[in-house]
Amino acid sequence: MRRQAVFATIATEIVAERHSQITGECDDRAAAIARAEVLRDGRARDVIALATGDLVPDGLLGALERVGLSPLKHSHSYVRLIEVFTRPEQRHVSDGLRHIGAIDDKTLMIIEKLPPWLIHPQVLKRIDSLRDARGFVEAIAFAQSVNAAATNERILDALAHMGAQTTLHELVARFVRRADVQLGQPISADNDLTPIRTIREMIVTARHFRNCMGTNKRIVSALRGRTAYVIFKGLAIVEFVALSNGSWVYGGSYGRRNQIVGDDVETAVRAKCTAAGVPHFRTGGERSGPFGMLLDPYDHRLVDFGG
């Protein structure tokens, strides 16, 4: 701890460009000698008091001890650590640091990427990089944009009750899967077509059809307006894909367990799309079997190679 206190004190002088105090070349030679003696022989509390102005806040020495034996790579990291424990408005940061393990430069950079209300022990313990920090902040913002119940208070409560094995990804996903916004509807409902309007309907339908529509990836895609789904006569899930101009294109029909639908269903769905002004690809997906790639999936004729 004393070792880190010395590093921290010298770092504050470097950042403040008070080089004369480090080298002992200041005008008050007696004061410089006294300072040097504290750096050489003083207790950790006395040493760090040189940097904080005689005030050694609770928790700072413990934080320095958790830095370990090697110095932090950047002088500014020590200055930031001291600020966290000496400035009242940084109390939320110091509270977060008190409940994590080792502290390093990365930890101190991560707290700069988090909004104040998300500097929480459960967050700091689970984020390993600046990339993860940015991703987590963006994911929280997305969850709050699609779920009115995902308030700061609700998210903080969820963080406070996280299980030891629960990841931040899982926590955010729970809020996303409870999204309450309306999904895209590229085609109107009728006796044959039932648009899936909410995430709840997506999840229930996916369970009924036993397919992948209820996965987080598919849910996020629908929430971002990239895909939309309709149920055809209870027989198939019809997928639509958004284009860059705001229109939709028919993407395919899938039966239970993502099985290929029959030709009669495919033809009927395409006719519905044509009538609604929704375009579709000229050819469809590959057929199964050894000749699948050579067969047109809708009229079953061999491809004419012109030979």
C-alpha atoms as a PDB file:
ATOM      1  CA  MET A   1       0.000   0.000   0.000  1.00  0.00           C
ATOM      2  CA  ARG A   2       2.795   2.432   0.897  1.00  0.00           C
ATOM      3  CA  ARG A   3       4.431   1.714  -2.456  1.00  0.00           C
ATOM      4  CA  GLN A   4       1.275   2.706  -4.321  1.00  0.00           C
ATOM      5  CA  ALA A   5       0.838   5.781  -2.121  1.00  0.00           C
ATOM      6  CA  VAL A   6       4.286   6.958  -3.236  1.00  0.00           C
ATOM      7  CA  PHE A   7       3.431   6.286  -6.871  1.00  0.00           C
ATOM      8  CA  ALA A   8       0.166   8.196  -6.508  1.00  0.00           C
ATOM      9  CA  THR A   9       1.784  11.199  -4.873  1.00  0.00           C
ATOM     10  CA  ILE A  10       4.521  11.459  -7.480  1.00  0.00           C
ATOM     11  CA  ALA A  11       1.926  11.023 -10.255  1.00  0.00           C
ATOM     12  CA  THR A  12      -0.109  13.976  -8.989  1.00  0.00           C
ATOM     13  CA  GLU A  13       3.009  16.148  -9.081  1.00  0.00           C
ATOM     14  CA  ILE A  14       3.784  15.027 -12.640  1.00  0.00           C
ATOM     15  CA  VAL A  15       0.263  15.704 -13.882  1.00  0.00           C
ATOM     16  CA  ALA A  16       0.258  19.114 -12.178  1.00  0.00           C
ATOM     17  CA  GLU A  17       3.716  19.762 -13.653  1.00  0.00           C
ATOM     18  CA  ARG A  18       5.131  20.543 -10.238  1.00  0.00           C
ATOM     19  CA  HIS A  19       8.450  18.971 -11.174  1.00  0.00           C
ATOM     20  CA  SER A  20      10.473  21.085  -8.753  1.00  0.00           C
ATOM     21  CA  GLN A  21       8.804  19.392  -5.789  1.00  0.00           C
ATOM     22  CA  ILE A  22       9.780  15.983  -7.112  1.00  0.00           C
ATOM     23  CA  THR A  23      13.419  16.918  -7.707  1.00  0.00           C
ATOM     24  CA  GLY A  24      13.768  18.956  -4.524  1.00  0.00           C
ATOM     25  CA  GLU A  25      14.648  22.123  -6.426  1.00  0.00           C
ATOM     26  CA  CYS A  26      11.873  24.279  -4.988  1.00  0.00           C
ATOM     27  CA  ASP A  27      12.666  27.536  -3.202  1.00  0.00           C
ATOM     28  CA  ASP A  28      11.618  26.243   0.231  1.00  0.00           C
ATOM     29  CA  ARG A  29      14.405  23.720   0.743  1.00  0.00           C
ATOM     30  CA  ALA A  30      13.240  22.762   4.225  1.00  0.00           C
ATOM     31  CA  ALA A  31       9.782  21.945   2.942  1.00  0.00           C
ATOM     32  CA  ALA A  32      11.274  19.912   0.102  1.00  0.00           C
ATOM     33  CA  ILE A  33      13.421  17.897   2.531  1.00  0.00           C
ATOM     34  CA  ALA A  34      10.443  17.260   4.801  1.00  0.00           C
ATOM     35  CA  ARG A  35       8.408  16.109   1.824  1.00  0.00           C
ATOM     36  CA  ALA A  36      11.195  13.813   0.651  1.00  0.00           C
ATOM     37  CA  GLU A  37      11.482  12.265   4.106  1.00  0.00           C
ATOM     38  CA  VAL A  38       7.763  11.495   4.128  1.00  0.00           C
ATOM     39  CA  LEU A  39       8.059   9.876   0.713  1.00  0.00           C
ATOM     40  CA  ARG A  40      11.025   7.832   1.934  1.00  0.00           C
ATOM     41  CA  ASP A  41       9.950   6.839   5.425  1.00  0.00           C
ATOM     42  CA  GLY A  42       6.337   7.883   5.992  1.00  0.00           C
ATOM     43  CA  ARG A  43       3.318   5.635   6.434  1.00  0.00           C
ATOM     44  CA  ALA A  44       0.988   5.184   3.479  1.00  0.00           C
ATOM     45  CA  ARG A  45      -1.555   7.585   5.031  1.00  0.00           C
ATOM     46  CA  ASP A  46       1.096  10.275   5.518  1.00  0.00           C
ATOM     47  CA  VAL A  47       2.411   9.841   1.987  1.00  0.00           C
ATOM     48  CA  ILE A  48      -0.975  10.070   0.308  1.00  0.00           C
ATOM     49  CA  ALA A  49      -1.796  13.124   2.432  1.00  0.00           C
ATOM     50  CA  LEU A  50       0.893  14.961   0.451  1.00  0.00           C
ATOM     51  CA  ALA A  51      -1.260  14.465  -2.658  1.00  0.00           C
ATOM     52  CA  THR A  52      -4.676  15.082  -1.078  1.00  0.00           C
ATOM     53  CA  GLY A  53      -3.764  18.061   1.070  1.00  0.00           C
ATOM     54  CA  ASP A  54      -3.785  16.297   4.463  1.00  0.00           C
ATOM     55  CA  LEU A  55      -7.227  14.811   3.798  1.00  0.00           C
ATOM     56  CA  VAL A  56      -7.182  11.051   3.367  1.00  0.00           C
ATOM     57  CA  PRO A  57     -10.737   9.960   2.522  1.00  0.00           C
ATOM     58  CA  ASP A  58     -12.145   6.621   3.545  1.00  0.00           C
ATOM     59  CA  GLY A  59     -11.583   3.915   0.968  1.00  0.00           C
ATOM     60  CA  LEU A  60      -8.663   5.499  -0.880  1.00  0.00           C
ATOM     61  CA  LEU A  61      -5.940   3.502   0.864  1.00  0.00           C
ATOM     62  CA  GLY A  62      -7.875   0.297   0.321  1.00  0.00           C
ATOM     63  CA  ALA A  63      -8.247   1.133  -3.369  1.00  0.00           C
ATOM     64  CA  LEU A  64      -4.498   1.741  -3.672  1.00  0.00           C
ATOM     65  CA  GLU A  65      -3.845  -1.598  -2.019  1.00  0.00           C
ATOM     66  CA  ARG A  66      -5.979  -3.305  -4.670  1.00  0.00           C
ATOM     67  CA  VAL A  67      -3.869  -1.763  -7.421  1.00  0.00           C
ATOM     68  CA  GLY A  68      -1.180  -4.287  -6.462  1.00  0.00           C
ATOM     69  CA  LEU A  69       2.595  -3.976  -6.502  1.00  0.00           C
ATOM     70  CA  SER A  70       3.197  -2.607  -9.983  1.00  0.00           C
ATOM     71  CA  PRO A  71       2.441   1.048 -10.717  1.00  0.00           C
ATOM     72  CA  LEU A  72      -0.467   2.060 -12.903  1.00  0.00           C
ATOM     73  CA  LYS A  73       0.650   2.744 -16.461  1.00  0.00           C
ATOM     74  CA  HIS A  74      -0.637   6.306 -16.610  1.00  0.00           C
ATOM     75  CA  SER A  75      -0.106   9.132 -14.123  1.00  0.00           C
ATOM     76  CA  HIS A  76      -3.600  10.397 -14.849  1.00  0.00           C
ATOM     77  CA  SER A  77      -4.999   7.098 -13.555  1.00  0.00           C
ATOM     78  CA  TYR A  78      -3.713   7.909 -10.067  1.00  0.00           C
ATOM     79  CA  VAL A  79      -5.134  11.422 -10.278  1.00  0.00           C
ATOM     80  CA  ARG A  80      -8.516  10.000 -11.343  1.00  0.00           C
ATOM     81  CA  LEU A  81      -8.456   7.493  -8.491  1.00  0.00           C
ATOM     82  CA  ILE A  82      -7.757  10.221  -5.946  1.00  0.00           C
ATOM     83  CA  GLU A  83     -10.531  12.398  -7.406  1.00  0.00           C
ATOM     84  CA  VAL A  84     -13.010   9.539  -7.090  1.00  0.00           C
ATOM     85  CA  PHE A  85     -12.487   9.370  -3.323  1.00  0.00           C
ATOM     86  CA  THR A  86     -12.012  13.083  -2.585  1.00  0.00           C
ATOM     87  CA  ARG A  87     -14.846  14.700  -4.534  1.00  0.00           C
ATOM     88  CA  PRO A  88     -18.369  14.347  -3.069  1.00  0.00           C
ATOM     89  CA  GLU A  89     -19.979  14.315  -6.515  1.00  0.00           C
ATOM     90  CA  GLN A  90     -17.931  11.170  -7.310  1.00  0.00           C
ATOM     91  CA  ARG A  91     -19.383   9.205  -4.407  1.00  0.00           C
ATOM     92  CA  HIS A  92     -21.227   6.824  -6.732  1.00  0.00           C
ATOM     93  CA  VAL A  93     -17.919   5.921  -8.388  1.00  0.00           C
ATOM     94  CA  SER A  94     -16.071   5.291  -5.138  1.00  0.00           C
ATOM     95  CA  ASP A  95     -18.967   3.152  -3.912  1.00  0.00           C
ATOM     96  CA  GLY A  96     -18.660   1.051  -7.061  1.00  0.00           C
ATOM     97  CA  LEU A  97     -14.894   0.634  -6.722  1.00  0.00           C
ATOM     98  CA  ARG A  98     -15.199  -0.484  -3.095  1.00  0.00           C
ATOM     99  CA  HIS A  99     -16.935  -3.684  -4.170  1.00  0.00           C
ATOM    100  CA  ILE A 100     -14.674  -4.938  -6.926  1.00  0.00           C
ATOM    101  CA  GLY A 101     -11.354  -6.767  -6.860  1.00  0.00           C
ATOM    102  CA  ALA A 102      -8.176  -5.545  -8.501  1.00  0.00           C
ATOM    103  CA  ILE A 103      -8.083  -1.982  -9.840  1.00  0.00           C
ATOM    104  CA  ASP A 104      -6.044  -1.098 -12.919  1.00  0.00           C
ATOM    105  CA  ASP A 105      -5.897   1.541 -15.661  1.00  0.00           C
ATOM    106  CA  LYS A 106      -8.589  -0.285 -17.597  1.00  0.00           C
ATOM    107  CA  THR A 107     -10.981  -0.132 -14.644  1.00  0.00           C
ATOM    108  CA  LEU A 108     -10.516   3.614 -14.349  1.00  0.00           C
ATOM    109  CA  MET A 109     -11.018   4.094 -18.089  1.00  0.00           C
ATOM    110  CA  ILE A 110     -14.170   1.968 -18.035  1.00  0.00           C
ATOM    111  CA  ILE A 111     -15.839   4.177 -15.431  1.00  0.00           C
ATOM    112  CA  GLU A 112     -15.338   7.105 -17.794  1.00  0.00           C
ATOM    113  CA  LYS A 113     -17.438   5.311 -20.431  1.00  0.00           C
ATOM    114  CA  LEU A 114     -20.343   4.530 -18.112  1.00  0.00           C
ATOM    115  CA  PRO A 115     -23.073   7.035 -17.261  1.00  0.00           C
ATOM    116  CA  PRO A 116     -22.997   7.874 -13.532  1.00  0.00           C
ATOM    117  CA  TRP A 117     -26.087   5.823 -12.678  1.00  0.00           C
ATOM    118  CA  LEU A 118     -24.596   2.672 -14.249  1.00  0.00           C
ATOM    119  CA  ILE A 119     -21.365   2.747 -12.245  1.00  0.00           C
ATOM    120  CA  HIS A 120     -22.474  -0.154 -10.123  1.00  0.00           C
ATOM    121  CA  PRO A 121     -20.434  -2.951  -8.491  1.00  0.00           C
ATOM    122  CA  GLN A 122     -22.285  -5.614 -10.479  1.00  0.00           C
ATOM    123  CA  VAL A 123     -21.428  -3.789 -13.699  1.00  0.00           C
ATOM    124  CA  LEU A 124     -17.779  -3.124 -12.899  1.00  0.00           C
ATOM    125  CA  LYS A 125     -17.202  -6.749 -11.899  1.00  0.00           C
ATOM    126  CA  ARG A 126     -18.490  -7.997 -15.262  1.00  0.00           C
ATOM    127  CA  ILE A 127     -17.016  -5.584 -17.795  1.00  0.00           C
ATOM    128  CA  ASP A 128     -13.541  -6.471 -19.044  1.00  0.00           C
ATOM    129  CA  SER A 129     -12.886  -3.904 -21.771  1.00  0.00           C
ATOM    130  CA  LEU A 130     -13.797  -0.474 -23.102  1.00  0.00           C
ATOM    131  CA  ARG A 131     -15.555  -2.198 -25.979  1.00  0.00           C
ATOM    132  CA  ASP A 132     -17.754  -4.095 -23.533  1.00  0.00           C
ATOM    133  CA  ALA A 133     -18.478  -0.872 -21.642  1.00  0.00           C
ATOM    134  CA  ARG A 134     -19.614   0.919 -24.801  1.00  0.00           C
ATOM    135  CA  GLY A 135     -21.659  -2.085 -25.883  1.00  0.00           C
ATOM    136  CA  PHE A 136     -23.363  -2.346 -22.508  1.00  0.00           C
ATOM    137  CA  VAL A 137     -24.308   1.343 -22.514  1.00  0.00           C
ATOM    138  CA  GLU A 138     -25.726   1.042 -26.042  1.00  0.00           C
ATOM    139  CA  ALA A 139     -27.641  -2.124 -25.119  1.00  0.00           C
ATOM    140  CA  ILE A 140     -29.193  -0.436 -22.087  1.00  0.00           C
ATOM    141  CA  ALA A 141     -30.218   2.540 -24.230  1.00  0.00           C
ATOM    142  CA  PHE A 142     -31.820   0.172 -26.757  1.00  0.00           C
ATOM    143  CA  ALA A 143     -33.686  -1.734 -24.047  1.00  0.00           C
ATOM    144  CA  GLN A 144     -35.047   1.526 -22.643  1.00  0.00           C
ATOM    145  CA  SER A 145     -36.113   2.658 -26.120  1.00  0.00           C
ATOM    146  CA  VAL A 146     -38.320  -0.419 -26.644  1.00  0.00           C
ATOM    147  CA  ASN A 147     -39.509  -1.101 -23.094  1.00  0.00           C
ATOM    148  CA  ALA A 148     -41.195   1.704 -21.180  1.00  0.00           C
ATOM    149  CA  ALA A 149     -40.810  -0.275 -17.952  1.00  0.00           C
ATOM    150  CA  ALA A 150     -37.008  -0.349 -18.279  1.00  0.00           C
ATOM    151  CA  THR A 151     -36.486   2.734 -16.146  1.00  0.00           C
ATOM    152  CA  ASN A 152     -33.193   3.533 -14.437  1.00  0.00           C
ATOM    153  CA  GLU A 153     -34.725   2.449 -11.137  1.00  0.00           C
ATOM    154  CA  ARG A 154     -35.915  -0.917 -12.492  1.00  0.00           C
ATOM    155  CA  ILE A 155     -32.552  -1.627 -14.088  1.00  0.00           C
ATOM    156  CA  LEU A 156     -30.681  -0.725 -10.890  1.00  0.00           C
ATOM    157  CA  ASP A 157     -32.989  -3.017  -8.937  1.00  0.00           C
ATOM    158  CA  ALA A 158     -32.275  -5.830 -11.407  1.00  0.00           C
ATOM    159  CA  LEU A 159     -28.528  -5.207 -11.023  1.00  0.00           C
ATOM    160  CA  ALA A 160     -28.819  -5.328  -7.244  1.00  0.00           C
ATOM    161  CA  HIS A 161     -30.517  -8.745  -7.422  1.00  0.00           C
ATOM    162  CA  MET A 162     -28.288 -10.363 -10.067  1.00  0.00           C
ATOM    163  CA  GLY A 163     -27.263 -13.938  -9.475  1.00  0.00           C
ATOM    164  CA  ALA A 164     -23.578 -14.743  -9.265  1.00  0.00           C
ATOM    165  CA  GLN A 165     -23.648 -16.482 -12.668  1.00  0.00           C
ATOM    166  CA  THR A 166     -25.927 -14.001 -14.444  1.00  0.00           C
ATOM    167  CA  THR A 167     -24.300 -11.974 -17.198  1.00  0.00           C
ATOM    168  CA  LEU A 168     -25.033  -8.370 -18.157  1.00  0.00           C
ATOM    169  CA  HIS A 169     -26.142  -9.649 -21.569  1.00  0.00           C
ATOM    170  CA  GLU A 170     -28.772 -11.827 -19.903  1.00  0.00           C
ATOM    171  CA  LEU A 171     -29.967  -8.967 -17.729  1.00  0.00           C
ATOM    172  CA  VAL A 172     -30.441  -6.606 -20.676  1.00  0.00           C
ATOM    173  CA  ALA A 173     -32.050  -9.351 -22.767  1.00  0.00           C
ATOM    174  CA  ARG A 174     -34.772  -9.793 -20.147  1.00  0.00           C
ATOM    175  CA  PHE A 175     -35.831  -6.181 -20.608  1.00  0.00           C
ATOM    176  CA  VAL A 176     -35.605  -6.415 -24.407  1.00  0.00           C
ATOM    177  CA  ARG A 177     -37.765  -9.554 -24.461  1.00  0.00           C
ATOM    178  CA  ARG A 178     -40.443  -7.612 -22.564  1.00  0.00           C
ATOM    179  CA  ALA A 179     -40.506  -4.816 -25.130  1.00  0.00           C
ATOM    180  CA  ASP A 180     -43.878  -3.117 -25.470  1.00  0.00           C
ATOM    181  CA  VAL A 181     -43.526  -1.359 -28.843  1.00  0.00           C
ATOM    182  CA  GLN A 182     -45.491  -2.356 -31.924  1.00  0.00           C
ATOM    183  CA  LEU A 183     -43.628  -4.311 -34.590  1.00  0.00           C
ATOM    184  CA  GLY A 184     -43.621  -3.629 -38.327  1.00  0.00           C
ATOM    185  CA  GLN A 185     -46.681  -4.723 -40.304  1.00  0.00           C
ATOM    186  CA  PRO A 186     -45.844  -4.979 -44.012  1.00  0.00           C
ATOM    187  CA  ILE A 187     -49.169  -6.569 -44.958  1.00  0.00           C
ATOM    188  CA  SER A 188     -52.698  -6.182 -43.631  1.00  0.00           C
ATOM    189  CA  ALA A 189     -54.513  -8.847 -41.665  1.00  0.00           C
ATOM    190  CA  ASP A 190     -57.288 -10.864 -43.310  1.00  0.00           C
ATOM    191  CA  ASN A 191     -58.893 -14.274 -42.878  1.00  0.00           C
ATOM    192  CA  ASP A 192     -55.642 -15.989 -43.864  1.00  0.00           C
ATOM    193  CA  LEU A 193     -52.955 -13.642 -42.533  1.00  0.00           C
ATOM    194  CA  THR A 194     -52.392 -12.739 -38.883  1.00  0.00           C
ATOM    195  CA  PRO A 195     -49.600 -10.165 -38.351  1.00  0.00           C
ATOM    196  CA  ILE A 196     -47.391 -10.684 -35.311  1.00  0.00           C
ATOM    197  CA  ARG A 197     -47.591  -7.281 -33.647  1.00  0.00           C
ATOM    198  CA  THR A 198     -45.642  -7.648 -30.397  1.00  0.00           C
ATOM    199  CA  ILE A 199     -42.598  -9.408 -29.005  1.00  0.00           C
ATOM    200  CA  ARG A 200     -44.874 -11.368 -26.708  1.00  0.00           C
ATOM    201  CA  GLU A 201     -46.712 -12.706 -29.765  1.00  0.00           C
ATOM    202  CA  MET A 202     -43.360 -13.552 -31.390  1.00  0.00           C
ATOM    203  CA  ILE A 203     -42.260 -15.597 -28.392  1.00  0.00           C
ATOM    204  CA  VAL A 204     -45.574 -17.440 -28.078  1.00  0.00           C
ATOM    205  CA  THR A 205     -45.681 -18.189 -31.814  1.00  0.00           C
ATOM    206  CA  ALA A 206     -42.083 -19.420 -31.795  1.00  0.00           C
ATOM    207  CA  ARG A 207     -42.928 -21.846 -29.012  1.00  0.00           C
ATOM    208  CA  HIS A 208     -45.953 -23.094 -30.940  1.00  0.00           C
ATOM    209  CA  PHE A 209     -43.979 -23.587 -34.164  1.00  0.00           C
ATOM    210  CA  ARG A 210     -40.856 -24.728 -32.282  1.00  0.00           C
ATOM    211  CA  ASN A 211     -38.545 -22.567 -34.336  1.00  0.00           C
ATOM    212  CA  CYS A 212     -35.894 -19.888 -33.832  1.00  0.00           C
ATOM    213  CA  MET A 213     -38.166 -16.841 -34.133  1.00  0.00           C
ATOM    214  CA  GLY A 214     -38.084 -16.370 -30.362  1.00  0.00           C
ATOM    215  CA  THR A 215     -34.303 -16.052 -30.117  1.00  0.00           C
ATOM    216  CA  ASN A 216     -32.768 -12.778 -28.999  1.00  0.00           C
ATOM    217  CA  LYS A 217     -31.243 -12.228 -32.437  1.00  0.00           C
ATOM    218  CA  ARG A 218     -34.621 -12.487 -34.192  1.00  0.00           C
ATOM    219  CA  ILE A 219     -36.324 -10.359 -31.567  1.00  0.00           C
ATOM    220  CA  VAL A 220     -33.788  -7.545 -31.867  1.00  0.00           C
ATOM    221  CA  SER A 221     -34.048  -7.673 -35.664  1.00  0.00           C
ATOM    222  CA  ALA A 222     -37.814  -7.229 -35.451  1.00  0.00           C
ATOM    223  CA  LEU A 223     -37.547  -4.442 -32.882  1.00  0.00           C
ATOM    224  CA  ARG A 224     -35.097  -2.566 -35.091  1.00  0.00           C
ATOM    225  CA  GLY A 225     -37.553  -2.810 -37.969  1.00  0.00           C
ATOM    226  CA  ARG A 226     -35.407  -5.096 -40.100  1.00  0.00           C
ATOM    227  CA  THR A 227     -37.839  -8.014 -40.189  1.00  0.00           C
ATOM    228  CA  ALA A 228     -41.539  -8.641 -39.619  1.00  0.00           C
ATOM    229  CA  TYR A 229     -43.642 -11.778 -39.376  1.00  0.00           C
ATOM    230  CA  VAL A 230     -47.145 -12.946 -40.264  1.00  0.00           C
ATOM    231  CA  ILE A 231     -48.905 -16.247 -39.588  1.00  0.00           C
ATOM    232  CA  PHE A 232     -50.559 -17.844 -42.631  1.00  0.00           C
ATOM    233  CA  LYS A 233     -53.651 -19.916 -41.773  1.00  0.00           C
ATOM    234  CA  GLY A 234     -51.869 -21.285 -38.707  1.00  0.00           C
ATOM    235  CA  LEU A 235     -49.723 -23.368 -41.072  1.00  0.00           C
ATOM    236  CA  ALA A 236     -46.640 -21.233 -41.631  1.00  0.00           C
ATOM    237  CA  ILE A 237     -44.734 -18.208 -40.438  1.00  0.00           C
ATOM    238  CA  VAL A 238     -44.179 -15.702 -43.215  1.00  0.00           C
ATOM    239  CA  GLU A 239     -41.071 -13.534 -42.941  1.00  0.00           C
ATOM    240  CA  PHE A 240     -40.674 -10.078 -44.481  1.00  0.00           C
ATOM    241  CA  VAL A 241     -37.404  -8.171 -44.786  1.00  0.00           C
ATOM    242  CA  ALA A 242     -37.138  -4.374 -44.723  1.00  0.00           C
ATOM    243  CA  LEU A 243     -35.348  -2.558 -47.539  1.00  0.00           C
ATOM    244  CA  SER A 244     -33.359   0.657 -47.249  1.00  0.00           C
ATOM    245  CA  ASN A 245     -36.148   2.669 -48.909  1.00  0.00           C
ATOM    246  CA  GLY A 246     -38.638   1.740 -46.196  1.00  0.00           C
ATOM    247  CA  SER A 247     -40.523  -0.888 -48.197  1.00  0.00           C
ATOM    248  CA  TRP A 248     -40.733  -4.618 -47.524  1.00  0.00           C
ATOM    249  CA  VAL A 249     -39.926  -7.746 -49.506  1.00  0.00           C
ATOM    250  CA  TYR A 250     -41.222 -11.259 -48.928  1.00  0.00           C
ATOM    251  CA  GLY A 251     -38.448 -13.339 -47.391  1.00  0.00           C
ATOM    252  CA  GLY A 252     -39.886 -16.833 -47.116  1.00  0.00           C
ATOM    253  CA  SER A 253     -42.405 -19.106 -45.411  1.00  0.00           C
ATOM    254  CA  TYR A 254     -41.559 -21.660 -42.759  1.00  0.00           C
ATOM    255  CA  GLY A 255     -43.523 -24.472 -41.192  1.00  0.00           C
ATOM    256  CA  ARG A 256     -43.049 -26.080 -37.805  1.00  0.00           C
ATOM    257  CA  ARG A 257     -39.408 -26.608 -36.841  1.00  0.00           C
ATOM    258  CA  ASN A 258     -38.447 -24.355 -39.787  1.00  0.00           C
ATOM    259  CA  GLN A 259     -39.466 -26.987 -42.312  1.00  0.00           C
ATOM    260  CA  ILE A 260     -40.024 -26.023 -45.952  1.00  0.00           C
ATOM    261  CA  VAL A 261     -43.710 -25.444 -46.629  1.00  0.00           C
ATOM    262  CA  GLY A 262     -45.622 -27.199 -49.373  1.00  0.00           C
ATOM    263  CA  ASP A 263     -45.930 -25.693 -52.851  1.00  0.00           C
ATOM    264  CA  ASP A 264     -49.606 -24.907 -52.311  1.00  0.00           C
ATOM    265  CA  VAL A 265     -48.802 -22.810 -49.224  1.00  0.00           C
ATOM    266  CA  GLU A 266     -45.868 -21.089 -50.930  1.00  0.00           C
ATOM    267  CA  THR A 267     -47.965 -20.228 -53.965  1.00  0.00           C
ATOM    268  CA  ALA A 268     -50.823 -18.905 -51.848  1.00  0.00           C
ATOM    269  CA  VAL A 269     -48.510 -16.722 -49.744  1.00  0.00           C
ATOM    270  CA  ARG A 270     -46.853 -15.282 -52.838  1.00  0.00           C
ATOM    271  CA  ALA A 271     -50.255 -14.482 -54.312  1.00  0.00           C
ATOM    272  CA  LYS A 272     -51.198 -12.642 -51.121  1.00  0.00           C
ATOM    273  CA  CYS A 273     -47.971 -10.648 -51.286  1.00  0.00           C
ATOM    274  CA  THR A 274     -48.520  -9.754 -54.942  1.00  0.00           C
ATOM    275  CA  ALA A 275     -52.055  -8.586 -54.226  1.00  0.00           C
ATOM    276  CA  ALA A 276     -50.769  -6.416 -51.355  1.00  0.00           C
ATOM    277  CA  GLY A 277     -47.999  -4.913 -53.486  1.00  0.00           C
ATOM    278  CA  VAL A 278     -45.222  -6.647 -51.554  1.00  0.00           C
ATOM    279  CA  PRO A 279     -42.534  -7.916 -53.976  1.00  0.00           C
ATOM    280  CA  HIS A 280     -40.750 -11.228 -53.682  1.00  0.00           C
ATOM    281  CA  PHE A 281     -37.607 -12.755 -55.124  1.00  0.00           C
ATOM    282  CA  ARG A 282     -37.982 -14.310 -58.556  1.00  0.00           C
ATOM    283  CA  THR A 283     -36.651 -17.652 -57.306  1.00  0.00           C
ATOM    284  CA  GLY A 284     -36.805 -19.187 -53.897  1.00  0.00           C
ATOM    285  CA  GLY A 285     -34.626 -21.235 -51.611  1.00  0.00           C
ATOM    286  CA  GLU A 286     -32.803 -24.435 -52.413  1.00  0.00           C
ATOM    287  CA  ARG A 287     -34.624 -27.761 -52.473  1.00  0.00           C
ATOM    288  CA  SER A 288     -33.321 -30.664 -50.468  1.00  0.00           C
ATOM    289  CA  GLY A 289     -31.885 -33.835 -51.914  1.00  0.00           C
ATOM    290  CA  PRO A 290     -28.912 -34.526 -54.202  1.00  0.00           C
ATOM    291  CA  PHE A 291     -30.437 -32.469 -57.059  1.00  0.00           C
ATOM    292  CA  GLY A 292     -31.712 -29.634 -54.874  1.00  0.00           C
ATOM    293  CA  MET A 293     -29.407 -26.987 -56.329  1.00  0.00           C
ATOM    294  CA  LEU A 294     -30.502 -27.870 -59.881  1.00  0.00           C
ATOM    295  CA  LEU A 295     -34.227 -27.674 -59.276  1.00  0.00           C
ATOM    296  CA  ASP A 296     -36.478 -24.652 -59.299  1.00  0.00           C
ATOM    297  CA  PRO A 297     -38.210 -24.874 -55.933  1.00  0.00           C
ATOM    298  CA  TYR A 298     -41.592 -23.775 -57.244  1.00  0.00           C
ATOM    299  CA  ASP A 299     -42.164 -25.310 -60.682  1.00  0.00           C
ATOM    300  CA  HIS A 300     -39.857 -28.331 -60.155  1.00  0.00           C
ATOM    301  CA  ARG A 301     -38.299 -28.078 -63.634  1.00  0.00           C
ATOM    302  CA  LEU A 302     -34.619 -28.764 -64.210  1.00  0.00           C
ATOM    303  CA  VAL A 303     -32.647 -25.634 -64.820  1.00  0.00           C
ATOM    304  CA  ASP A 304     -31.948 -25.075 -68.505  1.00  0.00           C
ATOM    305  CA  PHE A 305     -28.197 -24.516 -68.898  1.00  0.00           C
ATOM    306  CA  GLY A 306     -28.576 -23.697 -72.581  1.00  0.00           C
ATOM    307  CA  GLY A 307     -26.544 -26.730 -73.670  1.00  0.00           C
END
